[in-house]
């Protein structure tokens, strides 16, 4: 995904109708208000009603966080960066991710908007329930916590200067945006970039 000129100011327009345009934007506070209560409730539900042991709950939660890092990488690399000559696919990819590459500092598009976020969350919760039954209710909060960590990191990378202990993550993501769009797909973690050989050059 390459643009002749990356715009560090301004905001792209995806739809002509204002109400549709508003659905493409979000704010961290909205996403946190949606998912933090859900995370707390499902952890409580898993312990109090499903009577999972603390060990099982914690292991499932941590596994959910770890799984998110892989899903983050796969979605970013193989969905958000699809290369196609078909105009319809190009327009779709621009709407879901290309606009962020053209306007990387647009703070209203650093988190996924609420509506598609809810649909994806429902899909993953249903999938996890099919795969692991009641353990999904402990696994899913970890998965969503991983997503919140990713979203928070992504917002911070584009909005703030890096703290000294996280400069490598800032560097890798900015290299992805400004120099190597085919590398550096991990945002909250560089683990899978190392595993699959997509780390940006270190020099």
Protein backbone atom coordinates (compact mmCIF):
# COMPACT_ATOMS: atom_id res chain seq x y z
CA UNK A 1 0.00 0.00 0.00
CA UNK A 2 1.81 3.08 -1.24
CA UNK A 3 0.87 6.75 -1.52
CA UNK A 4 2.92 9.34 -3.38
CA UNK A 5 2.26 11.78 -0.57
CA UNK A 6 1.45 10.76 3.00
CA UNK A 7 -0.59 13.48 4.70
CA UNK A 8 0.30 14.07 8.35
CA UNK A 9 -2.50 16.62 8.66
CA UNK A 10 -6.14 16.43 7.72
CA UNK A 11 -8.61 13.59 7.34
CA UNK A 12 -9.71 11.45 4.42
CA UNK A 13 -13.36 11.29 3.39
CA UNK A 14 -14.80 7.82 2.83
CA UNK A 15 -18.48 8.57 2.23
CA UNK A 16 -20.45 11.51 0.88
CA UNK A 17 -23.21 11.17 3.46
CA UNK A 18 -22.24 12.59 6.83
CA UNK A 19 -24.01 9.92 8.90
CA UNK A 20 -22.07 7.18 7.11
CA UNK A 21 -18.85 9.15 7.52
CA UNK A 22 -19.47 9.42 11.26
CA UNK A 23 -19.68 5.63 11.50
CA UNK A 24 -16.08 5.35 10.28
CA UNK A 25 -14.67 7.26 13.26
CA UNK A 26 -14.10 6.45 16.90
CA UNK A 27 -12.41 7.52 20.11
CA UNK A 28 -10.54 5.37 22.66
CA UNK A 29 -13.04 6.28 25.40
CA UNK A 30 -15.90 4.82 23.37
CA UNK A 31 -14.11 1.53 22.76
CA UNK A 32 -13.02 1.23 26.39
CA UNK A 33 -16.55 1.95 27.62
CA UNK A 34 -17.79 -0.86 25.38
CA UNK A 35 -15.28 -3.55 26.22
CA UNK A 36 -13.99 -3.00 29.75
CA UNK A 37 -17.40 -3.80 31.35
CA UNK A 38 -17.68 -6.86 29.08
CA UNK A 39 -14.22 -8.09 30.10
CA UNK A 40 -14.99 -7.67 33.80
CA UNK A 41 -18.39 -9.32 33.49
CA UNK A 42 -17.10 -12.36 31.60
CA UNK A 43 -14.26 -12.90 34.08
CA UNK A 44 -16.79 -12.68 36.92
CA UNK A 45 -19.21 -14.98 35.06
CA UNK A 46 -16.48 -17.54 34.38
CA UNK A 47 -15.51 -17.68 38.04
CA UNK A 48 -18.86 -17.26 39.81
CA UNK A 49 -21.26 -19.14 37.52
CA UNK A 50 -19.16 -21.48 35.40
CA UNK A 51 -17.01 -22.16 38.48
CA UNK A 52 -13.75 -22.27 36.56
CA UNK A 53 -10.75 -22.55 38.82
CA UNK A 54 -8.50 -19.52 39.08
CA UNK A 55 -5.78 -21.50 37.31
CA UNK A 56 -8.04 -22.38 34.38
CA UNK A 57 -9.36 -18.83 34.17
CA UNK A 58 -5.92 -17.23 34.19
CA UNK A 59 -4.49 -19.70 31.68
CA UNK A 60 -7.44 -19.17 29.33
CA UNK A 61 -7.18 -15.39 29.71
CA UNK A 62 -3.43 -15.35 28.96
CA UNK A 63 -3.97 -17.67 26.00
CA UNK A 64 -6.55 -15.20 24.71
CA UNK A 65 -4.09 -12.31 24.91
CA UNK A 66 -1.44 -14.34 23.10
CA UNK A 67 -3.90 -15.43 20.41
CA UNK A 68 -4.82 -11.81 19.79
CA UNK A 69 -1.19 -10.98 18.88
CA UNK A 70 -1.32 -13.62 16.15
CA UNK A 71 -4.74 -12.51 14.87
CA UNK A 72 -3.52 -8.90 14.85
CA UNK A 73 -0.59 -9.89 12.64
CA UNK A 74 -2.65 -12.06 10.28
CA UNK A 75 -5.41 -9.48 9.80
CA UNK A 76 -2.93 -6.66 9.26
CA UNK A 77 -0.77 -8.55 6.80
CA UNK A 78 -3.24 -10.67 4.84
CA UNK A 79 -6.51 -8.69 5.03
CA UNK A 80 -5.66 -5.01 5.47
CA UNK A 81 -2.82 -5.18 2.93
CA UNK A 82 -4.47 -7.25 0.20
CA UNK A 83 -2.99 -6.39 -3.19
CA UNK A 84 -5.52 -6.54 -6.01
CA UNK A 85 -6.06 -5.00 -9.43
CA UNK A 86 -9.84 -5.05 -8.95
CA UNK A 87 -11.21 -1.54 -8.28
CA UNK A 88 -13.92 -2.79 -5.90
CA UNK A 89 -11.35 -4.55 -3.71
CA UNK A 90 -9.04 -1.55 -3.85
CA UNK A 91 -11.84 0.74 -2.69
CA UNK A 92 -12.75 -1.68 0.12
CA UNK A 93 -9.16 -1.94 1.35
CA UNK A 94 -8.78 1.83 1.21
CA UNK A 95 -11.87 2.26 3.38
CA UNK A 96 -10.80 -0.26 6.02
CA UNK A 97 -7.09 0.54 6.15
CA UNK A 98 -5.70 2.53 3.22
CA UNK A 99 -7.11 5.80 4.52
CA UNK A 100 -5.08 5.26 7.69
CA UNK A 101 -1.91 4.92 5.63
CA UNK A 102 -2.70 8.10 3.71
CA UNK A 103 -3.63 10.02 6.89
CA UNK A 104 -1.68 8.20 9.63
CA UNK A 105 -2.16 10.91 12.27
CA UNK A 106 -5.93 11.12 12.00
CA UNK A 107 -6.75 10.31 15.63
CA UNK A 108 -10.40 9.55 14.88
CA UNK A 109 -9.39 6.51 12.82
CA UNK A 110 -6.80 4.88 15.04
CA UNK A 111 -9.32 2.55 16.73
CA UNK A 112 -11.76 0.40 14.78
CA UNK A 113 -15.20 2.09 14.72
CA UNK A 114 -17.76 0.67 17.18
CA UNK A 115 -20.15 -0.98 14.71
CA UNK A 116 -17.69 -3.20 12.79
CA UNK A 117 -15.88 -3.81 16.07
CA UNK A 118 -19.06 -5.25 17.63
CA UNK A 119 -19.68 -7.53 14.63
CA UNK A 120 -16.11 -8.84 14.73
CA UNK A 121 -16.24 -9.36 18.50
CA UNK A 122 -19.49 -11.34 18.17
CA UNK A 123 -17.95 -13.44 15.39
CA UNK A 124 -14.85 -14.29 17.43
CA UNK A 125 -16.83 -15.04 20.59
CA UNK A 126 -19.07 -17.40 18.63
CA UNK A 127 -16.06 -19.07 17.02
CA UNK A 128 -14.29 -19.53 20.34
CA UNK A 129 -17.45 -20.98 21.92
CA UNK A 130 -17.70 -23.53 19.11
CA UNK A 131 -14.05 -24.47 19.60
CA UNK A 132 -13.74 -24.54 23.37
CA UNK A 133 -17.20 -24.37 24.94
CA UNK A 134 -17.52 -22.54 28.25
CA UNK A 135 -13.80 -21.82 28.39
CA UNK A 136 -14.46 -19.26 25.67
CA UNK A 137 -15.94 -16.98 28.34
CA UNK A 138 -12.53 -16.81 30.04
CA UNK A 139 -10.51 -16.87 26.80
CA UNK A 140 -12.47 -14.07 25.10
CA UNK A 141 -11.77 -11.42 27.79
CA UNK A 142 -8.05 -12.03 27.30
CA UNK A 143 -8.48 -11.78 23.54
CA UNK A 144 -10.33 -8.47 23.86
CA UNK A 145 -7.76 -7.20 26.39
CA UNK A 146 -5.12 -7.91 23.76
CA UNK A 147 -7.17 -5.89 21.28
CA UNK A 148 -7.45 -2.97 23.72
CA UNK A 149 -3.69 -3.08 24.31
CA UNK A 150 -3.13 -3.08 20.56
CA UNK A 151 -5.56 -0.20 19.99
CA UNK A 152 -4.04 1.82 22.81
CA UNK A 153 -0.53 1.21 21.50
CA UNK A 154 -1.59 2.11 17.98
CA UNK A 155 -3.20 5.34 19.17
CA UNK A 156 -0.16 6.27 21.25
CA UNK A 157 2.29 5.55 18.43
CA UNK A 158 0.52 7.95 16.09
CA UNK A 159 -0.43 10.59 18.65
CA UNK A 160 2.49 10.84 21.11
CA UNK A 161 6.25 10.68 21.39
CA UNK A 162 7.54 7.27 22.51
CA UNK A 163 8.62 6.54 26.07
CA UNK A 164 12.26 5.42 26.07
CA UNK A 165 11.42 1.78 26.82
CA UNK A 166 9.08 1.46 23.82
CA UNK A 167 11.04 3.25 21.13
CA UNK A 168 11.51 0.02 19.14
CA UNK A 169 7.74 -0.47 18.74
CA UNK A 170 7.32 3.17 17.66
CA UNK A 171 10.20 2.79 15.21
CA UNK A 172 8.90 -0.43 13.65
CA UNK A 173 5.41 0.91 13.08
CA UNK A 174 6.64 4.18 11.62
CA UNK A 175 8.92 2.24 9.27
CA UNK A 176 5.84 0.25 8.22
CA UNK A 177 4.01 3.49 7.40
CA UNK A 178 6.75 5.59 5.87
CA UNK A 179 9.27 3.21 4.31
CA UNK A 180 8.39 -0.51 4.35
CA UNK A 181 4.61 -1.09 3.98
CA UNK A 182 5.29 -4.79 3.30
CA UNK A 183 7.02 -5.25 6.66
CA UNK A 184 6.37 -4.52 10.33
CA UNK A 185 2.80 -5.81 10.62
CA UNK A 186 2.90 -6.27 14.39
CA UNK A 187 1.85 -3.24 16.41
CA UNK A 188 1.50 -4.41 20.01
CA UNK A 189 4.21 -7.06 19.52
CA UNK A 190 7.01 -7.77 17.06
CA UNK A 191 6.98 -11.52 17.84
CA UNK A 192 5.24 -12.63 14.64
CA UNK A 193 7.32 -10.30 12.47
CA UNK A 194 10.37 -12.17 13.77
CA UNK A 195 8.70 -15.56 13.27
CA UNK A 196 7.59 -14.86 9.68
CA UNK A 197 10.57 -12.74 8.61
CA UNK A 198 8.76 -9.41 8.15
CA UNK A 199 10.78 -7.26 10.53
CA UNK A 200 11.86 -3.96 8.93
CA UNK A 201 15.62 -3.65 8.39
CA UNK A 202 17.31 -2.69 11.63
CA UNK A 203 19.90 -0.35 10.09
